[in-house]
């Protein structure tokens, strides 16, 4: 298992995604799979960076495990308690944009791109685990 800590800042996002990409390439994940995983991870990270710390400085830990034929990434932050899985709403693509509910699309996207998504609150931290079966 590999872990890396970053400041919760949008300027750090390219470094976080690069770190994840390196781990995926090390186990020879195909480019299309890498892109799907990156999109899901980017959505989760941007939400954490923008909302978890309520304009305070914070940290994000990324913990990656590529064993057992799975890619598992746990994103840890010490921001306000927030379970994104509580905000999933069914998305009707045919509903006009002006009639759609604001929010909730990001976690739906993550669910569509990953095979498993889990949330846990432990030791004053949010833990979001994303799993893709390779």
N, C-alpha and C. Protein backbone atom coordinates (compact mmCIF):
# COMPACT_ATOMS: atom_id res chain seq x y z
N UNK A 1 0.84 -1.17 0.00
CA UNK A 1 0.00 0.00 0.00
C UNK A 1 0.89 1.24 0.00
N UNK A 2 0.53 2.21 -0.78
CA UNK A 2 1.32 3.41 -0.99
C UNK A 2 0.48 4.61 -0.55
N UNK A 3 1.08 5.54 0.22
CA UNK A 3 0.35 6.69 0.73
C UNK A 3 1.12 7.97 0.43
N UNK A 4 0.38 9.02 0.11
CA UNK A 4 0.98 10.33 -0.16
C UNK A 4 0.06 11.41 0.39
N UNK A 5 0.64 12.45 0.99
CA UNK A 5 -0.14 13.56 1.56
C UNK A 5 0.06 14.82 0.72
N UNK A 6 -1.05 15.54 0.54
CA UNK A 6 -1.06 16.80 -0.22
C UNK A 6 -1.83 17.85 0.57
N UNK A 7 -1.58 19.12 0.25
CA UNK A 7 -2.45 20.16 0.79
C UNK A 7 -3.73 20.15 -0.04
N UNK A 8 -4.84 20.47 0.59
CA UNK A 8 -6.13 20.49 -0.09
C UNK A 8 -6.24 21.80 -0.86
N UNK A 9 -5.61 21.82 -2.02
CA UNK A 9 -5.53 23.03 -2.84
C UNK A 9 -5.64 22.62 -4.31
N UNK A 10 -6.42 23.36 -5.09
CA UNK A 10 -6.57 23.03 -6.51
C UNK A 10 -5.24 23.01 -7.25
N UNK A 11 -4.27 23.81 -6.79
CA UNK A 11 -2.94 23.80 -7.42
C UNK A 11 -2.26 22.43 -7.29
N UNK A 12 -2.65 21.65 -6.30
CA UNK A 12 -2.06 20.33 -6.07
C UNK A 12 -2.74 19.23 -6.87
N UNK A 13 -3.89 19.54 -7.47
CA UNK A 13 -4.66 18.52 -8.19
C UNK A 13 -3.85 17.82 -9.28
N UNK A 14 -3.12 18.54 -10.14
CA UNK A 14 -2.33 17.82 -11.16
C UNK A 14 -1.30 16.86 -10.56
N UNK A 15 -0.70 17.24 -9.44
CA UNK A 15 0.27 16.36 -8.78
C UNK A 15 -0.41 15.12 -8.22
N UNK A 16 -1.61 15.29 -7.65
CA UNK A 16 -2.34 14.15 -7.11
C UNK A 16 -2.71 13.18 -8.22
N UNK A 17 -3.23 13.71 -9.33
CA UNK A 17 -3.62 12.85 -10.44
C UNK A 17 -2.41 12.18 -11.08
N UNK A 18 -1.30 12.86 -11.15
CA UNK A 18 -0.07 12.27 -11.68
C UNK A 18 0.40 11.12 -10.80
N UNK A 19 0.33 11.30 -9.48
CA UNK A 19 0.73 10.25 -8.54
C UNK A 19 -0.14 9.01 -8.74
N UNK A 20 -1.44 9.22 -8.90
CA UNK A 20 -2.36 8.10 -9.12
C UNK A 20 -2.07 7.43 -10.46
N UNK A 21 -1.86 8.22 -11.50
CA UNK A 21 -1.56 7.69 -12.83
C UNK A 21 -0.32 6.80 -12.80
N UNK A 22 0.71 7.23 -12.06
CA UNK A 22 1.94 6.43 -11.95
C UNK A 22 1.65 5.07 -11.33
N UNK A 23 0.80 5.04 -10.32
CA UNK A 23 0.47 3.77 -9.68
C UNK A 23 -0.29 2.87 -10.64
N UNK A 24 -1.17 3.44 -11.43
CA UNK A 24 -1.93 2.64 -12.40
C UNK A 24 -1.03 2.11 -13.51
N UNK A 25 -0.13 2.94 -13.98
CA UNK A 25 0.78 2.49 -15.04
C UNK A 25 1.72 1.41 -14.54
N UNK A 26 2.05 1.44 -13.27
CA UNK A 26 2.99 0.45 -12.72
C UNK A 26 2.41 -0.96 -12.77
N UNK A 27 1.08 -1.07 -12.82
CA UNK A 27 0.46 -2.39 -12.94
C UNK A 27 -0.18 -2.57 -14.31
N UNK A 28 0.27 -1.74 -15.26
CA UNK A 28 -0.09 -1.85 -16.67
C UNK A 28 -1.59 -1.80 -16.93
N UNK A 29 -2.24 -0.83 -16.30
CA UNK A 29 -3.66 -0.59 -16.56
C UNK A 29 -3.78 0.11 -17.91
N UNK A 30 -4.75 -0.30 -18.70
CA UNK A 30 -4.94 0.28 -20.04
C UNK A 30 -5.34 1.75 -19.94
N UNK A 31 -4.98 2.48 -20.98
CA UNK A 31 -5.19 3.93 -21.01
C UNK A 31 -6.65 4.32 -20.78
N UNK A 32 -7.58 3.61 -21.41
CA UNK A 32 -9.01 3.91 -21.24
C UNK A 32 -9.46 3.76 -19.80
N UNK A 33 -8.97 2.72 -19.14
CA UNK A 33 -9.29 2.50 -17.73
C UNK A 33 -8.70 3.61 -16.86
N UNK A 34 -7.47 4.00 -17.16
CA UNK A 34 -6.83 5.08 -16.41
C UNK A 34 -7.65 6.35 -16.51
N UNK A 35 -8.13 6.66 -17.70
CA UNK A 35 -8.91 7.88 -17.89
C UNK A 35 -10.21 7.85 -17.09
N UNK A 36 -10.88 6.72 -17.05
CA UNK A 36 -12.11 6.60 -16.27
C UNK A 36 -11.83 6.80 -14.78
N UNK A 37 -10.79 6.14 -14.30
CA UNK A 37 -10.44 6.25 -12.89
C UNK A 37 -10.04 7.69 -12.55
N UNK A 38 -9.23 8.31 -13.41
CA UNK A 38 -8.82 9.70 -13.17
C UNK A 38 -10.00 10.64 -13.10
N UNK A 39 -10.97 10.46 -13.98
CA UNK A 39 -12.15 11.33 -13.98
C UNK A 39 -12.92 11.19 -12.67
N UNK A 40 -13.11 9.97 -12.22
CA UNK A 40 -13.82 9.75 -10.95
C UNK A 40 -13.05 10.35 -9.78
N UNK A 41 -11.74 10.11 -9.76
CA UNK A 41 -10.90 10.62 -8.67
C UNK A 41 -10.87 12.15 -8.69
N UNK A 42 -10.75 12.72 -9.87
CA UNK A 42 -10.72 14.18 -9.97
C UNK A 42 -12.01 14.79 -9.43
N UNK A 43 -13.13 14.21 -9.75
CA UNK A 43 -14.42 14.71 -9.26
C UNK A 43 -14.45 14.68 -7.73
N UNK A 44 -14.02 13.57 -7.15
CA UNK A 44 -14.00 13.46 -5.69
C UNK A 44 -13.04 14.48 -5.06
N UNK A 45 -11.85 14.60 -5.63
CA UNK A 45 -10.84 15.51 -5.07
C UNK A 45 -11.27 16.97 -5.16
N UNK A 46 -11.84 17.36 -6.28
CA UNK A 46 -12.28 18.76 -6.44
C UNK A 46 -13.35 19.09 -5.41
N UNK A 47 -14.27 18.17 -5.17
CA UNK A 47 -15.30 18.42 -4.16
C UNK A 47 -14.70 18.54 -2.77
N UNK A 48 -13.75 17.69 -2.45
CA UNK A 48 -13.09 17.77 -1.13
C UNK A 48 -12.35 19.09 -1.01
N UNK A 49 -11.58 19.44 -2.02
CA UNK A 49 -10.80 20.69 -1.99
C UNK A 49 -11.72 21.89 -1.83
N UNK A 50 -12.83 21.91 -2.56
CA UNK A 50 -13.71 23.07 -2.55
C UNK A 50 -14.61 23.17 -1.32
N UNK A 51 -14.95 22.04 -0.70
CA UNK A 51 -15.97 22.08 0.34
C UNK A 51 -15.59 21.53 1.71
N UNK A 52 -14.63 20.64 1.81
CA UNK A 52 -14.39 19.93 3.07
C UNK A 52 -13.90 20.85 4.18
N UNK A 53 -13.08 21.80 3.85
CA UNK A 53 -12.42 22.59 4.90
C UNK A 53 -13.03 23.96 5.12
N UNK A 54 -14.09 24.29 4.41
CA UNK A 54 -14.80 25.54 4.62
C UNK A 54 -13.85 26.74 4.65
N UNK A 55 -13.04 26.83 3.59
CA UNK A 55 -12.07 27.92 3.38
C UNK A 55 -10.88 27.90 4.33
N UNK A 56 -10.77 26.84 5.16
CA UNK A 56 -9.56 26.68 6.00
C UNK A 56 -8.56 25.84 5.22
N UNK A 57 -7.30 25.93 5.60
CA UNK A 57 -6.27 25.08 4.98
C UNK A 57 -6.45 23.66 5.51
N UNK A 58 -6.22 22.71 4.64
CA UNK A 58 -6.37 21.33 5.05
C UNK A 58 -5.44 20.41 4.27
N UNK A 59 -5.55 19.14 4.58
CA UNK A 59 -4.71 18.12 3.95
C UNK A 59 -5.59 17.02 3.37
N UNK A 60 -5.03 16.34 2.40
CA UNK A 60 -5.65 15.16 1.80
C UNK A 60 -4.60 14.07 1.72
N UNK A 61 -4.93 12.90 2.24
CA UNK A 61 -4.07 11.73 2.08
C UNK A 61 -4.66 10.83 1.00
N UNK A 62 -3.81 10.35 0.12
CA UNK A 62 -4.20 9.38 -0.88
C UNK A 62 -3.51 8.07 -0.54
N UNK A 63 -4.28 7.00 -0.45
CA UNK A 63 -3.73 5.69 -0.16
C UNK A 63 -4.16 4.74 -1.27
N UNK A 64 -3.18 4.16 -1.93
CA UNK A 64 -3.43 3.34 -3.11
C UNK A 64 -2.99 1.90 -2.87
N UNK A 65 -3.84 0.98 -3.31
CA UNK A 65 -3.52 -0.45 -3.25
C UNK A 65 -3.91 -1.07 -4.58
N UNK A 66 -2.92 -1.62 -5.28
CA UNK A 66 -3.15 -2.24 -6.59
C UNK A 66 -3.12 -3.76 -6.53
N UNK A 67 -3.30 -4.33 -5.38
CA UNK A 67 -3.17 -5.79 -5.27
C UNK A 67 -4.49 -6.50 -5.53
N UNK A 68 -4.39 -7.77 -5.81
CA UNK A 68 -5.57 -8.61 -5.96
C UNK A 68 -6.43 -8.31 -7.17
N UNK A 69 -5.86 -7.72 -8.21
CA UNK A 69 -6.63 -7.45 -9.41
C UNK A 69 -7.56 -6.26 -9.32
N UNK A 70 -7.39 -5.46 -8.28
CA UNK A 70 -8.21 -4.27 -8.08
C UNK A 70 -7.34 -3.04 -7.93
N UNK A 71 -7.90 -1.90 -8.30
CA UNK A 71 -7.30 -0.62 -7.96
C UNK A 71 -8.17 -0.05 -6.85
N UNK A 72 -7.58 0.18 -5.69
CA UNK A 72 -8.33 0.74 -4.57
C UNK A 72 -7.63 2.01 -4.11
N UNK A 73 -8.37 3.11 -4.11
CA UNK A 73 -7.86 4.39 -3.66
C UNK A 73 -8.74 4.88 -2.52
N UNK A 74 -8.11 5.17 -1.39
CA UNK A 74 -8.81 5.78 -0.28
C UNK A 74 -8.35 7.23 -0.17
N UNK A 75 -9.32 8.14 -0.19
CA UNK A 75 -9.06 9.56 -0.06
C UNK A 75 -9.48 9.97 1.34
N UNK A 76 -8.53 10.52 2.09
CA UNK A 76 -8.79 10.87 3.48
C UNK A 76 -8.64 12.38 3.66
N UNK A 77 -9.64 12.97 4.30
CA UNK A 77 -9.54 14.39 4.66
C UNK A 77 -10.05 14.56 6.08
N UNK A 78 -9.68 15.67 6.68
CA UNK A 78 -10.06 15.96 8.06
C UNK A 78 -11.02 17.15 8.11
N UNK A 79 -11.79 17.30 7.04
CA UNK A 79 -12.76 18.39 6.96
C UNK A 79 -14.04 18.05 7.68
N UNK A 80 -15.05 18.86 7.42
CA UNK A 80 -16.37 18.65 8.03
C UNK A 80 -16.90 17.26 7.65
N UNK A 81 -17.59 16.60 8.59
CA UNK A 81 -18.17 15.29 8.25
C UNK A 81 -19.13 15.44 7.08
N UNK A 82 -18.94 14.60 6.07
CA UNK A 82 -19.82 14.65 4.90
C UNK A 82 -19.77 13.32 4.18
N UNK A 83 -20.91 12.67 4.11
CA UNK A 83 -21.02 11.42 3.39
C UNK A 83 -21.63 11.71 2.02
N UNK A 84 -20.83 11.72 0.96
CA UNK A 84 -21.36 12.04 -0.36
C UNK A 84 -22.36 11.00 -0.86
N UNK A 85 -22.32 9.80 -0.29
CA UNK A 85 -23.22 8.74 -0.74
C UNK A 85 -24.65 9.00 -0.29
N UNK A 86 -24.84 9.91 0.67
CA UNK A 86 -26.18 10.29 1.10
C UNK A 86 -26.87 11.20 0.09
N UNK A 87 -26.11 11.73 -0.86
CA UNK A 87 -26.65 12.73 -1.79
C UNK A 87 -26.84 12.20 -3.20
N UNK A 88 -26.94 10.91 -3.34
CA UNK A 88 -27.11 10.33 -4.67
C UNK A 88 -28.59 10.38 -5.03
N UNK A 89 -28.85 10.94 -6.18
CA UNK A 89 -30.23 10.98 -6.67
C UNK A 89 -30.24 10.38 -8.07
N UNK A 90 -31.30 9.68 -8.41
CA UNK A 90 -31.37 9.15 -9.77
C UNK A 90 -31.34 10.30 -10.77
N UNK A 91 -30.65 10.08 -11.86
CA UNK A 91 -30.51 11.13 -12.87
C UNK A 91 -31.31 10.74 -14.10
N UNK A 92 -32.23 11.61 -14.47
CA UNK A 92 -32.98 11.41 -15.69
C UNK A 92 -32.37 12.32 -16.74
N UNK A 93 -31.68 11.73 -17.69
CA UNK A 93 -30.99 12.52 -18.72
C UNK A 93 -31.95 13.31 -19.59
N UNK A 94 -33.21 12.97 -19.57
CA UNK A 94 -34.18 13.63 -20.43
C UNK A 94 -34.89 14.81 -19.76
N UNK A 95 -34.65 15.01 -18.47
CA UNK A 95 -35.21 16.15 -17.78
C UNK A 95 -34.48 17.41 -18.23
N UNK A 96 -35.20 18.46 -18.60
CA UNK A 96 -34.52 19.70 -19.01
C UNK A 96 -33.62 20.22 -17.89
N UNK A 97 -32.49 20.80 -18.26
CA UNK A 97 -31.51 21.28 -17.28
C UNK A 97 -32.12 22.20 -16.24
N UNK A 98 -33.01 23.09 -16.67
CA UNK A 98 -33.59 24.06 -15.73
C UNK A 98 -34.50 23.39 -14.69
N UNK A 99 -34.88 22.15 -14.92
CA UNK A 99 -35.74 21.43 -13.98
C UNK A 99 -34.96 20.46 -13.09
N UNK A 100 -33.68 20.31 -13.37
CA UNK A 100 -32.88 19.35 -12.59
C UNK A 100 -32.45 19.93 -11.25
N UNK A 101 -32.33 19.06 -10.28
CA UNK A 101 -31.84 19.42 -8.96
C UNK A 101 -30.37 19.79 -9.04
N UNK A 102 -29.95 20.80 -8.30
CA UNK A 102 -28.54 21.20 -8.28
C UNK A 102 -27.78 20.23 -7.37
N UNK A 103 -26.62 19.80 -7.83
CA UNK A 103 -25.77 18.91 -7.05
C UNK A 103 -26.12 17.44 -7.25
N UNK A 104 -25.21 16.59 -6.81
CA UNK A 104 -25.43 15.16 -6.86
C UNK A 104 -24.95 14.49 -8.13
N UNK A 105 -24.63 15.26 -9.16
CA UNK A 105 -24.18 14.65 -10.40
C UNK A 105 -22.78 14.06 -10.27
N UNK A 106 -21.92 14.70 -9.50
CA UNK A 106 -20.55 14.24 -9.35
C UNK A 106 -20.47 12.85 -8.76
N UNK A 107 -21.21 12.60 -7.69
CA UNK A 107 -21.15 11.28 -7.06
C UNK A 107 -21.80 10.24 -7.97
N UNK A 108 -22.82 10.64 -8.73
CA UNK A 108 -23.41 9.71 -9.70
C UNK A 108 -22.39 9.34 -10.77
N UNK A 109 -21.61 10.31 -11.21
CA UNK A 109 -20.55 10.05 -12.18
C UNK A 109 -19.51 9.09 -11.59
N UNK A 110 -19.11 9.34 -10.36
CA UNK A 110 -18.14 8.46 -9.69
C UNK A 110 -18.68 7.03 -9.62
N UNK A 111 -19.95 6.89 -9.25
CA UNK A 111 -20.57 5.57 -9.19
C UNK A 111 -20.56 4.87 -10.55
N UNK A 112 -20.78 5.62 -11.62
CA UNK A 112 -20.80 5.03 -12.96
C UNK A 112 -19.41 4.63 -13.44
N UNK A 113 -18.38 5.30 -12.97
CA UNK A 113 -17.01 5.02 -13.44
C UNK A 113 -16.28 3.99 -12.58
N UNK A 114 -16.67 3.85 -11.33
CA UNK A 114 -15.99 2.92 -10.42
C UNK A 114 -16.90 1.72 -10.17
N UNK A 115 -16.32 0.61 -9.74
CA UNK A 115 -17.10 -0.58 -9.44
C UNK A 115 -17.67 -0.57 -8.03
N UNK A 116 -16.95 0.05 -7.11
CA UNK A 116 -17.41 0.16 -5.73
C UNK A 116 -17.02 1.53 -5.19
N UNK A 117 -17.91 2.09 -4.36
CA UNK A 117 -17.64 3.37 -3.70
C UNK A 117 -18.12 3.22 -2.26
N UNK A 118 -17.23 3.54 -1.31
CA UNK A 118 -17.57 3.40 0.11
C UNK A 118 -17.17 4.67 0.86
N UNK A 119 -17.93 4.99 1.89
CA UNK A 119 -17.60 6.13 2.76
C UNK A 119 -17.59 5.66 4.20
N UNK A 120 -16.67 6.24 4.97
CA UNK A 120 -16.59 5.96 6.40
C UNK A 120 -16.09 7.21 7.10
N UNK A 121 -16.59 7.47 8.29
CA UNK A 121 -16.08 8.56 9.12
C UNK A 121 -15.37 7.90 10.29
N UNK A 122 -14.08 8.17 10.44
CA UNK A 122 -13.29 7.55 11.51
C UNK A 122 -12.22 8.52 11.99
N UNK A 123 -12.04 8.59 13.28
CA UNK A 123 -10.99 9.41 13.88
C UNK A 123 -10.98 10.84 13.32
N UNK A 124 -12.16 11.47 13.32
CA UNK A 124 -12.32 12.85 12.83
C UNK A 124 -11.91 13.03 11.38
N UNK A 125 -12.03 11.99 10.57
CA UNK A 125 -11.69 12.13 9.16
C UNK A 125 -12.75 11.45 8.30
N UNK A 126 -12.86 11.97 7.08
CA UNK A 126 -13.71 11.36 6.05
C UNK A 126 -12.83 10.42 5.23
N UNK A 127 -13.34 9.23 4.98
CA UNK A 127 -12.62 8.25 4.16
C UNK A 127 -13.52 7.85 3.01
N UNK A 128 -13.12 8.20 1.81
CA UNK A 128 -13.86 7.82 0.61
C UNK A 128 -13.00 6.82 -0.15
N UNK A 129 -13.52 5.61 -0.32
CA UNK A 129 -12.77 4.56 -1.00
C UNK A 129 -13.41 4.26 -2.34
N UNK A 130 -12.58 4.33 -3.38
CA UNK A 130 -13.00 4.06 -4.75
C UNK A 130 -12.30 2.81 -5.23
N UNK A 131 -13.06 1.86 -5.77
CA UNK A 131 -12.48 0.59 -6.21
C UNK A 131 -12.89 0.33 -7.66
N UNK A 132 -11.89 -0.05 -8.46
CA UNK A 132 -12.14 -0.46 -9.84
C UNK A 132 -11.53 -1.83 -10.03
N UNK A 133 -12.34 -2.81 -10.48
CA UNK A 133 -11.86 -4.16 -10.75
C UNK A 133 -11.13 -4.14 -12.08
N UNK A 134 -9.87 -4.57 -12.04
CA UNK A 134 -9.06 -4.51 -13.26
C UNK A 134 -9.03 -5.84 -14.00
